[in-house]
């Protein structure tokens, strides 16, 4: 038991640090990373425990942007800027002028998020279009209607076929 009391503590443990800018760049970057993770963790806990809506945007020394938002960063920023609870407000999403209440980095993130939402919608439309094309291909036994032979079509069928081809051409050239 005496041996245990004689062991010297090798770590300093948690100690209170003075809150001031850290001069050593390497130490400053390490502290930034650790504190950012801790900040986001505490914000997440606050959201879970209280149901609060939180948005945090942090710029690192290396000009990287880190963001945390609950339920998502767009919803919180839109609520802050417009005063409404809706995360899909069309008036705020169509504006390209920076709101003085939003930090500059937040406005840039908003623009990127709007672009992402637009591209996501376009992707979903293309996925649905692909499903329709594949569905019509399956209905015709693995071929498209324009692949059907025209030799045995009557006049009315040929006129409908021509009109359908012209419509397809219009859609392709839009």
N, C-alpha and C. Protein backbone atom coordinates (compact mmCIF):
# COMPACT_ATOMS: atom_id res chain seq x y z
N UNK A 1 0.82 -1.19 0.00
CA UNK A 1 0.00 0.00 0.00
C UNK A 1 0.87 1.26 0.00
N UNK A 2 2.00 1.19 0.65
CA UNK A 2 2.91 2.32 0.68
C UNK A 2 3.47 2.64 -0.70
N UNK A 3 3.68 1.59 -1.52
CA UNK A 3 4.20 1.80 -2.87
C UNK A 3 3.24 2.63 -3.72
N UNK A 4 1.96 2.41 -3.53
CA UNK A 4 0.96 3.15 -4.30
C UNK A 4 0.98 4.63 -3.92
N UNK A 5 1.20 4.92 -2.68
CA UNK A 5 1.22 6.30 -2.24
C UNK A 5 2.48 7.00 -2.70
N UNK A 6 3.51 6.26 -2.98
CA UNK A 6 4.78 6.84 -3.37
C UNK A 6 4.83 7.16 -4.86
N UNK A 7 3.92 6.58 -5.67
CA UNK A 7 3.93 6.84 -7.11
C UNK A 7 3.64 8.30 -7.39
N UNK A 8 4.43 8.84 -8.26
CA UNK A 8 4.26 10.24 -8.62
C UNK A 8 3.31 10.35 -9.80
N UNK A 9 2.46 11.31 -9.79
CA UNK A 9 1.51 11.54 -10.88
C UNK A 9 2.27 12.05 -12.10
N UNK A 10 2.06 11.37 -13.27
CA UNK A 10 2.83 11.73 -14.46
C UNK A 10 2.12 12.73 -15.36
N UNK A 11 0.81 12.89 -15.21
CA UNK A 11 0.08 13.85 -16.04
C UNK A 11 -0.38 15.02 -15.19
N UNK A 12 -0.66 16.10 -15.86
CA UNK A 12 -1.12 17.28 -15.15
C UNK A 12 -2.64 17.28 -14.98
N UNK A 13 -3.32 16.42 -15.74
CA UNK A 13 -4.77 16.37 -15.66
C UNK A 13 -5.38 17.63 -16.25
N UNK A 14 -6.60 17.90 -15.87
CA UNK A 14 -7.26 19.11 -16.36
C UNK A 14 -6.82 20.29 -15.51
N UNK A 15 -6.38 21.32 -16.18
CA UNK A 15 -6.02 22.51 -15.42
C UNK A 15 -6.64 23.72 -16.12
N UNK A 16 -6.91 24.71 -15.36
CA UNK A 16 -7.54 25.91 -15.88
C UNK A 16 -6.51 26.70 -16.69
N UNK A 17 -6.93 27.08 -17.91
CA UNK A 17 -6.03 27.88 -18.74
C UNK A 17 -6.56 29.30 -18.83
N UNK A 18 -5.65 30.20 -19.04
CA UNK A 18 -6.01 31.59 -19.21
C UNK A 18 -6.63 31.75 -20.60
N UNK A 19 -7.75 32.45 -20.67
CA UNK A 19 -8.42 32.65 -21.95
C UNK A 19 -7.78 33.84 -22.65
N UNK A 20 -6.90 33.52 -23.58
CA UNK A 20 -6.24 34.53 -24.41
C UNK A 20 -5.79 33.82 -25.68
N UNK A 21 -5.45 34.58 -26.68
CA UNK A 21 -5.03 34.00 -27.95
C UNK A 21 -3.76 33.17 -27.75
N UNK A 22 -3.76 31.97 -28.33
CA UNK A 22 -2.61 31.09 -28.23
C UNK A 22 -1.59 31.52 -29.28
N UNK A 23 -0.37 31.80 -28.85
CA UNK A 23 0.65 32.32 -29.75
C UNK A 23 1.19 31.26 -30.72
N UNK A 24 1.43 30.06 -30.23
CA UNK A 24 2.00 29.00 -31.06
C UNK A 24 0.93 28.51 -32.05
N UNK A 25 1.22 28.63 -33.35
CA UNK A 25 0.24 28.29 -34.40
C UNK A 25 -0.19 26.84 -34.33
N UNK A 26 0.74 25.94 -34.12
CA UNK A 26 0.41 24.52 -34.05
C UNK A 26 -0.52 24.23 -32.87
N UNK A 27 -0.19 24.78 -31.73
CA UNK A 27 -1.04 24.61 -30.54
C UNK A 27 -2.43 25.22 -30.77
N UNK A 28 -2.46 26.36 -31.45
CA UNK A 28 -3.73 27.04 -31.74
C UNK A 28 -4.62 26.17 -32.63
N UNK A 29 -4.03 25.52 -33.65
CA UNK A 29 -4.80 24.67 -34.54
C UNK A 29 -5.34 23.44 -33.81
N UNK A 30 -4.52 22.84 -32.97
CA UNK A 30 -4.96 21.68 -32.20
C UNK A 30 -6.10 22.08 -31.27
N UNK A 31 -5.94 23.20 -30.59
CA UNK A 31 -6.97 23.67 -29.68
C UNK A 31 -8.26 23.96 -30.44
N UNK A 32 -8.14 24.57 -31.62
CA UNK A 32 -9.33 24.84 -32.43
C UNK A 32 -10.09 23.55 -32.73
N UNK A 33 -9.37 22.53 -33.20
CA UNK A 33 -10.02 21.27 -33.55
C UNK A 33 -10.71 20.63 -32.36
N UNK A 34 -10.01 20.57 -31.23
CA UNK A 34 -10.60 19.95 -30.04
C UNK A 34 -11.79 20.75 -29.52
N UNK A 35 -11.65 22.05 -29.46
CA UNK A 35 -12.73 22.89 -28.94
C UNK A 35 -13.93 22.89 -29.88
N UNK A 36 -13.68 22.83 -31.20
CA UNK A 36 -14.79 22.79 -32.17
C UNK A 36 -15.61 21.54 -31.98
N UNK A 37 -14.95 20.42 -31.83
CA UNK A 37 -15.65 19.15 -31.61
C UNK A 37 -16.45 19.23 -30.32
N UNK A 38 -15.83 19.75 -29.27
CA UNK A 38 -16.53 19.90 -27.99
C UNK A 38 -17.72 20.84 -28.08
N UNK A 39 -17.56 21.93 -28.81
CA UNK A 39 -18.64 22.89 -28.99
C UNK A 39 -19.82 22.25 -29.71
N UNK A 40 -19.56 21.52 -30.80
CA UNK A 40 -20.62 20.87 -31.55
C UNK A 40 -21.30 19.79 -30.70
N UNK A 41 -20.53 19.09 -29.89
CA UNK A 41 -21.09 18.07 -29.01
C UNK A 41 -22.02 18.70 -27.98
N UNK A 42 -21.60 19.79 -27.37
CA UNK A 42 -22.43 20.48 -26.38
C UNK A 42 -23.69 21.04 -27.04
N UNK A 43 -23.57 21.57 -28.26
CA UNK A 43 -24.74 22.08 -28.97
C UNK A 43 -25.73 20.96 -29.26
N UNK A 44 -25.21 19.81 -29.65
CA UNK A 44 -26.06 18.64 -29.90
C UNK A 44 -26.79 18.22 -28.64
N UNK A 45 -26.08 18.18 -27.51
CA UNK A 45 -26.70 17.83 -26.24
C UNK A 45 -27.79 18.83 -25.87
N UNK A 46 -27.54 20.11 -26.09
CA UNK A 46 -28.53 21.15 -25.81
C UNK A 46 -29.80 20.92 -26.64
N UNK A 47 -29.62 20.56 -27.90
CA UNK A 47 -30.77 20.29 -28.78
C UNK A 47 -31.58 19.10 -28.30
N UNK A 48 -30.88 18.03 -27.94
CA UNK A 48 -31.56 16.81 -27.49
C UNK A 48 -32.29 17.06 -26.17
N UNK A 49 -31.63 17.70 -25.24
CA UNK A 49 -32.20 17.89 -23.91
C UNK A 49 -33.35 18.89 -23.89
N UNK A 50 -33.27 19.95 -24.68
CA UNK A 50 -34.25 21.02 -24.58
C UNK A 50 -35.10 21.21 -25.82
N UNK A 51 -34.74 20.57 -26.93
CA UNK A 51 -35.48 20.77 -28.17
C UNK A 51 -35.14 22.09 -28.85
N UNK A 52 -34.07 22.71 -28.44
CA UNK A 52 -33.66 24.00 -29.01
C UNK A 52 -33.20 23.81 -30.45
N UNK A 53 -33.37 24.85 -31.25
CA UNK A 53 -32.84 24.86 -32.60
C UNK A 53 -31.55 25.66 -32.58
N UNK A 54 -30.47 25.06 -33.07
CA UNK A 54 -29.14 25.66 -32.94
C UNK A 54 -28.44 25.65 -34.29
N UNK A 55 -27.73 26.71 -34.60
CA UNK A 55 -26.85 26.76 -35.78
C UNK A 55 -25.52 27.36 -35.35
N UNK A 56 -24.44 26.68 -35.72
CA UNK A 56 -23.10 27.17 -35.41
C UNK A 56 -22.29 27.08 -36.70
N UNK A 57 -21.65 28.19 -37.05
CA UNK A 57 -20.78 28.22 -38.23
C UNK A 57 -19.43 28.74 -37.77
N UNK A 58 -18.39 27.97 -38.07
CA UNK A 58 -17.04 28.32 -37.61
C UNK A 58 -16.09 28.29 -38.79
N UNK A 59 -15.27 29.34 -38.91
CA UNK A 59 -14.20 29.38 -39.92
C UNK A 59 -12.89 29.03 -39.23
N UNK A 60 -12.16 28.09 -39.79
CA UNK A 60 -10.88 27.72 -39.20
C UNK A 60 -9.79 28.68 -39.67
N UNK A 61 -8.62 28.51 -39.10
CA UNK A 61 -7.47 29.32 -39.52
C UNK A 61 -7.13 29.06 -40.98
N UNK A 62 -7.39 27.85 -41.43
CA UNK A 62 -7.11 27.47 -42.82
C UNK A 62 -8.23 27.82 -43.77
N UNK A 63 -9.16 28.68 -43.35
CA UNK A 63 -10.27 29.16 -44.17
C UNK A 63 -11.31 28.09 -44.47
N UNK A 64 -11.31 26.98 -43.72
CA UNK A 64 -12.34 25.96 -43.89
C UNK A 64 -13.54 26.34 -43.05
N UNK A 65 -14.73 25.98 -43.54
CA UNK A 65 -15.96 26.29 -42.83
C UNK A 65 -16.51 25.01 -42.22
N UNK A 66 -16.85 25.08 -40.94
CA UNK A 66 -17.46 23.97 -40.23
C UNK A 66 -18.82 24.46 -39.74
N UNK A 67 -19.84 23.62 -39.88
CA UNK A 67 -21.18 24.05 -39.48
C UNK A 67 -21.90 22.93 -38.76
N UNK A 68 -22.72 23.32 -37.79
CA UNK A 68 -23.60 22.40 -37.09
C UNK A 68 -24.96 23.06 -37.05
N UNK A 69 -26.01 22.29 -37.31
CA UNK A 69 -27.36 22.82 -37.23
C UNK A 69 -28.34 21.75 -36.84
N UNK A 70 -29.28 22.12 -35.99
CA UNK A 70 -30.35 21.20 -35.61
C UNK A 70 -31.66 21.96 -35.63
N UNK A 71 -32.68 21.53 -36.37
CA UNK A 71 -32.80 20.29 -37.13
C UNK A 71 -31.88 20.27 -38.35
N UNK A 72 -31.65 21.39 -38.99
CA UNK A 72 -30.59 21.53 -39.97
C UNK A 72 -30.23 23.00 -40.04
N UNK A 73 -29.07 23.29 -40.59
CA UNK A 73 -28.57 24.66 -40.54
C UNK A 73 -29.44 25.62 -41.34
N UNK A 74 -30.00 25.15 -42.47
CA UNK A 74 -30.88 26.01 -43.28
C UNK A 74 -32.11 26.43 -42.50
N UNK A 75 -32.73 25.47 -41.81
CA UNK A 75 -33.95 25.77 -41.07
C UNK A 75 -33.69 26.83 -40.01
N UNK A 76 -32.59 26.71 -39.30
CA UNK A 76 -32.29 27.65 -38.22
C UNK A 76 -31.95 29.03 -38.79
N UNK A 77 -31.13 29.07 -39.83
CA UNK A 77 -30.76 30.36 -40.42
C UNK A 77 -31.97 31.04 -41.04
N UNK A 78 -32.81 30.27 -41.75
CA UNK A 78 -34.01 30.87 -42.34
C UNK A 78 -34.94 31.39 -41.26
N UNK A 79 -35.07 30.66 -40.18
CA UNK A 79 -35.92 31.13 -39.08
C UNK A 79 -35.35 32.40 -38.48
N UNK A 80 -34.05 32.48 -38.35
CA UNK A 80 -33.39 33.67 -37.79
C UNK A 80 -33.56 34.87 -38.72
N UNK A 81 -33.37 34.66 -40.01
CA UNK A 81 -33.42 35.79 -40.95
C UNK A 81 -34.83 36.22 -41.29
N UNK A 82 -35.77 35.28 -41.35
CA UNK A 82 -37.13 35.63 -41.75
C UNK A 82 -38.10 35.72 -40.59
N UNK A 83 -37.72 35.12 -39.47
CA UNK A 83 -38.61 35.12 -38.32
C UNK A 83 -39.69 34.06 -38.41
N UNK A 84 -39.63 33.19 -39.44
CA UNK A 84 -40.64 32.14 -39.59
C UNK A 84 -40.02 30.79 -39.28
N UNK A 85 -40.87 29.83 -38.95
CA UNK A 85 -40.40 28.49 -38.61
C UNK A 85 -40.19 27.63 -39.84
N UNK A 86 -40.59 28.10 -41.01
CA UNK A 86 -40.51 27.30 -42.23
C UNK A 86 -39.09 27.29 -42.77
N UNK A 87 -38.59 26.07 -43.08
CA UNK A 87 -37.23 25.96 -43.63
C UNK A 87 -37.25 26.04 -45.14
N UNK A 88 -38.43 26.15 -45.74
CA UNK A 88 -38.50 26.21 -47.22
C UNK A 88 -39.14 27.49 -47.67
N UNK A 89 -38.80 28.59 -47.02
CA UNK A 89 -39.37 29.88 -47.39
C UNK A 89 -38.82 30.32 -48.73
N UNK A 90 -39.72 30.55 -49.68
CA UNK A 90 -39.26 30.90 -51.03
C UNK A 90 -38.74 32.32 -51.09
N UNK A 91 -39.24 33.20 -50.22
CA UNK A 91 -38.77 34.58 -50.30
C UNK A 91 -37.32 34.69 -49.85
N UNK A 92 -36.94 33.94 -48.83
CA UNK A 92 -35.56 34.04 -48.37
C UNK A 92 -34.61 33.25 -49.27
N UNK A 93 -35.10 32.19 -49.91
CA UNK A 93 -34.20 31.39 -50.72
C UNK A 93 -33.96 32.01 -52.09
N UNK A 94 -34.82 32.96 -52.50
CA UNK A 94 -34.61 33.57 -53.81
C UNK A 94 -33.74 34.82 -53.72
N UNK A 95 -33.53 35.32 -52.51
CA UNK A 95 -32.74 36.53 -52.34
C UNK A 95 -31.26 36.23 -52.49
N UNK A 96 -30.56 37.10 -53.23
CA UNK A 96 -29.13 36.91 -53.39
C UNK A 96 -28.35 38.02 -52.69
N UNK A 97 -29.04 38.93 -52.01
CA UNK A 97 -28.39 40.02 -51.31
C UNK A 97 -28.10 39.56 -49.89
N UNK A 98 -26.91 39.85 -49.41
CA UNK A 98 -26.51 39.42 -48.07
C UNK A 98 -27.31 40.18 -47.02
N UNK A 99 -27.83 39.47 -46.06
CA UNK A 99 -28.55 40.05 -44.94
C UNK A 99 -27.51 40.48 -43.91
N UNK A 100 -27.57 41.71 -43.43
CA UNK A 100 -26.55 42.17 -42.47
C UNK A 100 -26.56 41.40 -41.16
N UNK A 101 -27.67 40.71 -40.82
CA UNK A 101 -27.72 39.94 -39.58
C UNK A 101 -26.98 38.62 -39.70
N UNK A 102 -26.72 38.16 -40.94
CA UNK A 102 -26.05 36.88 -41.14
C UNK A 102 -24.56 37.12 -41.30
N UNK A 103 -23.72 36.37 -40.60
CA UNK A 103 -22.28 36.49 -40.84
C UNK A 103 -21.97 36.16 -42.29
N UNK A 104 -20.93 36.75 -42.85
CA UNK A 104 -20.60 36.58 -44.26
C UNK A 104 -20.49 35.12 -44.65
N UNK A 105 -19.84 34.30 -43.85
CA UNK A 105 -19.69 32.89 -44.16
C UNK A 105 -21.03 32.17 -44.21
N UNK A 106 -21.97 32.57 -43.36
CA UNK A 106 -23.28 31.93 -43.33
C UNK A 106 -24.02 32.20 -44.63
N UNK A 107 -23.88 33.40 -45.18
CA UNK A 107 -24.54 33.71 -46.45
C UNK A 107 -23.99 32.84 -47.57
N UNK A 108 -22.68 32.65 -47.58
CA UNK A 108 -22.06 31.78 -48.59
C UNK A 108 -22.56 30.36 -48.43
N UNK A 109 -22.69 29.89 -47.20
CA UNK A 109 -23.19 28.54 -46.96
C UNK A 109 -24.64 28.45 -47.43
N UNK A 110 -25.43 29.49 -47.18
CA UNK A 110 -26.82 29.51 -47.65
C UNK A 110 -26.87 29.37 -49.16
N UNK A 111 -26.00 30.08 -49.87
CA UNK A 111 -25.98 30.00 -51.33
C UNK A 111 -25.62 28.59 -51.77
N UNK A 112 -24.63 27.99 -51.15
CA UNK A 112 -24.25 26.62 -51.49
C UNK A 112 -25.38 25.65 -51.20
N UNK A 113 -26.05 25.83 -50.07
CA UNK A 113 -27.15 24.94 -49.71
C UNK A 113 -28.33 25.10 -50.65
N UNK A 114 -28.60 26.33 -51.10
CA UNK A 114 -29.68 26.53 -52.10
C UNK A 114 -29.32 25.84 -53.40
N UNK A 115 -28.06 25.98 -53.81
CA UNK A 115 -27.61 25.31 -55.03
C UNK A 115 -27.71 23.80 -54.88
N UNK A 116 -27.33 23.28 -53.73
CA UNK A 116 -27.42 21.85 -53.46
C UNK A 116 -28.87 21.38 -53.53
N UNK A 117 -29.77 22.14 -52.93
CA UNK A 117 -31.20 21.77 -52.95
C UNK A 117 -31.73 21.76 -54.38
N UNK A 118 -31.33 22.76 -55.17
CA UNK A 118 -31.78 22.84 -56.57
C UNK A 118 -31.26 21.63 -57.36
N UNK A 119 -29.99 21.33 -57.21
CA UNK A 119 -29.40 20.19 -57.93
C UNK A 119 -30.02 18.88 -57.45
N UNK A 120 -30.31 18.78 -56.16
CA UNK A 120 -30.96 17.57 -55.63
C UNK A 120 -32.33 17.37 -56.25
N UNK A 121 -33.09 18.46 -56.39
CA UNK A 121 -34.42 18.36 -57.02
C UNK A 121 -34.28 17.93 -58.47
N UNK A 122 -33.31 18.51 -59.19
CA UNK A 122 -33.09 18.13 -60.58
C UNK A 122 -32.71 16.66 -60.69
N UNK A 123 -31.89 16.19 -59.76
CA UNK A 123 -31.49 14.78 -59.75
C UNK A 123 -32.70 13.88 -59.52
N UNK A 124 -33.57 14.28 -58.61
CA UNK A 124 -34.77 13.49 -58.34
C UNK A 124 -35.69 13.43 -59.56
N UNK A 125 -35.81 14.55 -60.27
CA UNK A 125 -36.62 14.57 -61.51
C UNK A 125 -36.01 13.60 -62.52
N UNK A 126 -34.69 13.62 -62.65
CA UNK A 126 -34.03 12.72 -63.61
C UNK A 126 -34.18 11.26 -63.20
N UNK A 127 -34.15 10.99 -61.89
CA UNK A 127 -34.37 9.61 -61.42
C UNK A 127 -35.77 9.13 -61.77
N UNK A 128 -36.75 10.02 -61.57
CA UNK A 128 -38.13 9.65 -61.91
C UNK A 128 -38.28 9.45 -63.41
N UNK A 129 -37.62 10.30 -64.19
CA UNK A 129 -37.66 10.15 -65.65
C UNK A 129 -37.05 8.81 -66.06
N UNK A 130 -35.95 8.45 -65.42
CA UNK A 130 -35.30 7.16 -65.72
C UNK A 130 -36.24 6.00 -65.39
N UNK A 131 -36.91 6.09 -64.24
CA UNK A 131 -37.85 5.04 -63.86
C UNK A 131 -38.97 4.91 -64.89
N UNK A 132 -39.48 6.06 -65.37
CA UNK A 132 -40.54 6.02 -66.39
C UNK A 132 -40.04 5.37 -67.68
N UNK A 133 -38.84 5.73 -68.08
CA UNK A 133 -38.27 5.17 -69.31
C UNK A 133 -38.06 3.68 -69.15
N UNK A 134 -37.49 3.28 -68.02
CA UNK A 134 -37.26 1.85 -67.80
C UNK A 134 -38.58 1.10 -67.69
N UNK A 135 -39.60 1.74 -67.08
CA UNK A 135 -40.91 1.11 -66.97
C UNK A 135 -41.55 0.91 -68.32
N UNK A 136 -41.46 1.91 -69.20
CA UNK A 136 -42.06 1.76 -70.53
C UNK A 136 -41.26 0.76 -71.36
N UNK A 137 -39.98 0.68 -71.10
CA UNK A 137 -39.16 -0.30 -71.81
C UNK A 137 -39.56 -1.71 -71.42
N UNK A 138 -39.84 -1.91 -70.13
CA UNK A 138 -40.25 -3.23 -69.65
C UNK A 138 -41.62 -3.62 -70.19
N UNK A 139 -42.52 -2.63 -70.29
CA UNK A 139 -43.86 -2.91 -70.81
C UNK A 139 -43.81 -3.40 -72.25
N UNK A 140 -42.84 -2.95 -73.00
CA UNK A 140 -42.73 -3.31 -74.41
C UNK A 140 -41.76 -4.47 -74.62
N UNK A 141 -41.53 -5.26 -73.60
CA UNK A 141 -40.66 -6.43 -73.76
C UNK A 141 -39.20 -6.08 -73.93
N UNK A 142 -38.74 -5.01 -73.32
CA UNK A 142 -37.32 -4.67 -73.36
C UNK A 142 -36.94 -3.72 -74.49
N UNK A 143 -37.92 -3.18 -75.19
CA UNK A 143 -37.59 -2.21 -76.25
C UNK A 143 -38.47 -0.98 -76.10
N UNK A 144 -38.07 0.11 -76.71
CA UNK A 144 -38.83 1.34 -76.68
C UNK A 144 -39.82 1.36 -77.85
N UNK A 145 -40.84 2.22 -77.72
CA UNK A 145 -41.86 2.28 -78.77
C UNK A 145 -41.27 2.70 -80.10
N UNK A 146 -40.22 3.50 -80.10
CA UNK A 146 -39.63 3.94 -81.36
C UNK A 146 -38.78 2.85 -82.03
N UNK A 147 -38.55 1.77 -81.29
CA UNK A 147 -37.82 0.64 -81.87
C UNK A 147 -38.73 -0.32 -82.62
N UNK A 148 -40.06 -0.16 -82.49
CA UNK A 148 -41.00 -1.07 -83.15
C UNK A 148 -40.92 -0.91 -84.67
N UNK A 149 -41.04 -1.99 -85.41
CA UNK A 149 -41.01 -1.89 -86.88
C UNK A 149 -42.24 -1.15 -87.39
N UNK A 150 -42.07 -0.36 -88.46
CA UNK A 150 -43.18 0.45 -88.99
C UNK A 150 -43.77 -0.15 -90.27
N UNK A 151 -43.20 -1.22 -90.76
CA UNK A 151 -43.65 -1.79 -92.04
C UNK A 151 -45.13 -2.21 -92.02
N UNK A 152 -45.63 -2.67 -90.91
CA UNK A 152 -46.98 -3.20 -90.84
C UNK A 152 -47.97 -2.22 -90.20
N UNK A 153 -47.56 -0.96 -90.01
CA UNK A 153 -48.45 0.04 -89.40
C UNK A 153 -49.37 0.61 -90.47
N UNK A 154 -50.59 0.94 -90.03
CA UNK A 154 -51.54 1.61 -90.91
C UNK A 154 -51.27 3.10 -90.93
N UNK A 155 -52.05 3.83 -91.76
CA UNK A 155 -51.85 5.27 -91.91
C UNK A 155 -52.03 6.00 -90.58
N UNK A 156 -53.08 5.64 -89.84
CA UNK A 156 -53.35 6.30 -88.56
C UNK A 156 -52.22 6.05 -87.57
N UNK A 157 -51.73 4.81 -87.50
CA UNK A 157 -50.62 4.48 -86.60
C UNK A 157 -49.35 5.22 -87.00
N UNK A 158 -49.10 5.35 -88.31
CA UNK A 158 -47.90 6.06 -88.79
C UNK A 158 -47.98 7.55 -88.45
N UNK A 159 -49.18 8.14 -88.54
CA UNK A 159 -49.35 9.55 -88.20
C UNK A 159 -49.11 9.76 -86.70
N UNK A 160 -49.63 8.86 -85.89
CA UNK A 160 -49.40 8.94 -84.45
C UNK A 160 -47.91 8.74 -84.12
N UNK A 161 -47.27 7.81 -84.82
CA UNK A 161 -45.85 7.53 -84.65
C UNK A 161 -45.02 8.78 -84.98
N UNK A 162 -45.37 9.45 -86.09
CA UNK A 162 -44.66 10.67 -86.51
C UNK A 162 -44.84 11.78 -85.47
N UNK A 163 -46.09 11.95 -85.01
CA UNK A 163 -46.36 12.99 -84.00
C UNK A 163 -45.57 12.71 -82.72
N UNK A 164 -45.50 11.44 -82.32
CA UNK A 164 -44.76 11.07 -81.11
C UNK A 164 -43.27 11.32 -81.29
N UNK A 165 -42.73 11.03 -82.47
CA UNK A 165 -41.31 11.31 -82.73
C UNK A 165 -41.02 12.81 -82.68
N UNK A 166 -41.93 13.61 -83.25
CA UNK A 166 -41.74 15.07 -83.22
C UNK A 166 -41.78 15.59 -81.78
N UNK A 167 -42.70 15.05 -80.97
CA UNK A 167 -42.79 15.44 -79.57
C UNK A 167 -41.52 15.05 -78.81
N UNK A 168 -41.02 13.86 -79.09
CA UNK A 168 -39.77 13.40 -78.46
C UNK A 168 -38.61 14.31 -78.86
N UNK A 169 -38.57 14.69 -80.11
CA UNK A 169 -37.51 15.58 -80.59
C UNK A 169 -37.56 16.93 -79.86
N UNK A 170 -38.77 17.48 -79.67
CA UNK A 170 -38.91 18.76 -78.96
C UNK A 170 -38.38 18.63 -77.53
N UNK A 171 -38.74 17.52 -76.86
CA UNK A 171 -38.32 17.34 -75.47
C UNK A 171 -36.81 17.18 -75.35
N UNK A 172 -36.21 16.53 -76.35
CA UNK A 172 -34.77 16.32 -76.33
C UNK A 172 -33.99 17.60 -76.57
N UNK A 173 -34.53 18.53 -77.32
CA UNK A 173 -33.81 19.74 -77.67
C UNK A 173 -34.10 20.91 -76.75
N UNK A 174 -34.85 20.70 -75.68
CA UNK A 174 -35.11 21.80 -74.74
C UNK A 174 -33.94 22.16 -73.92
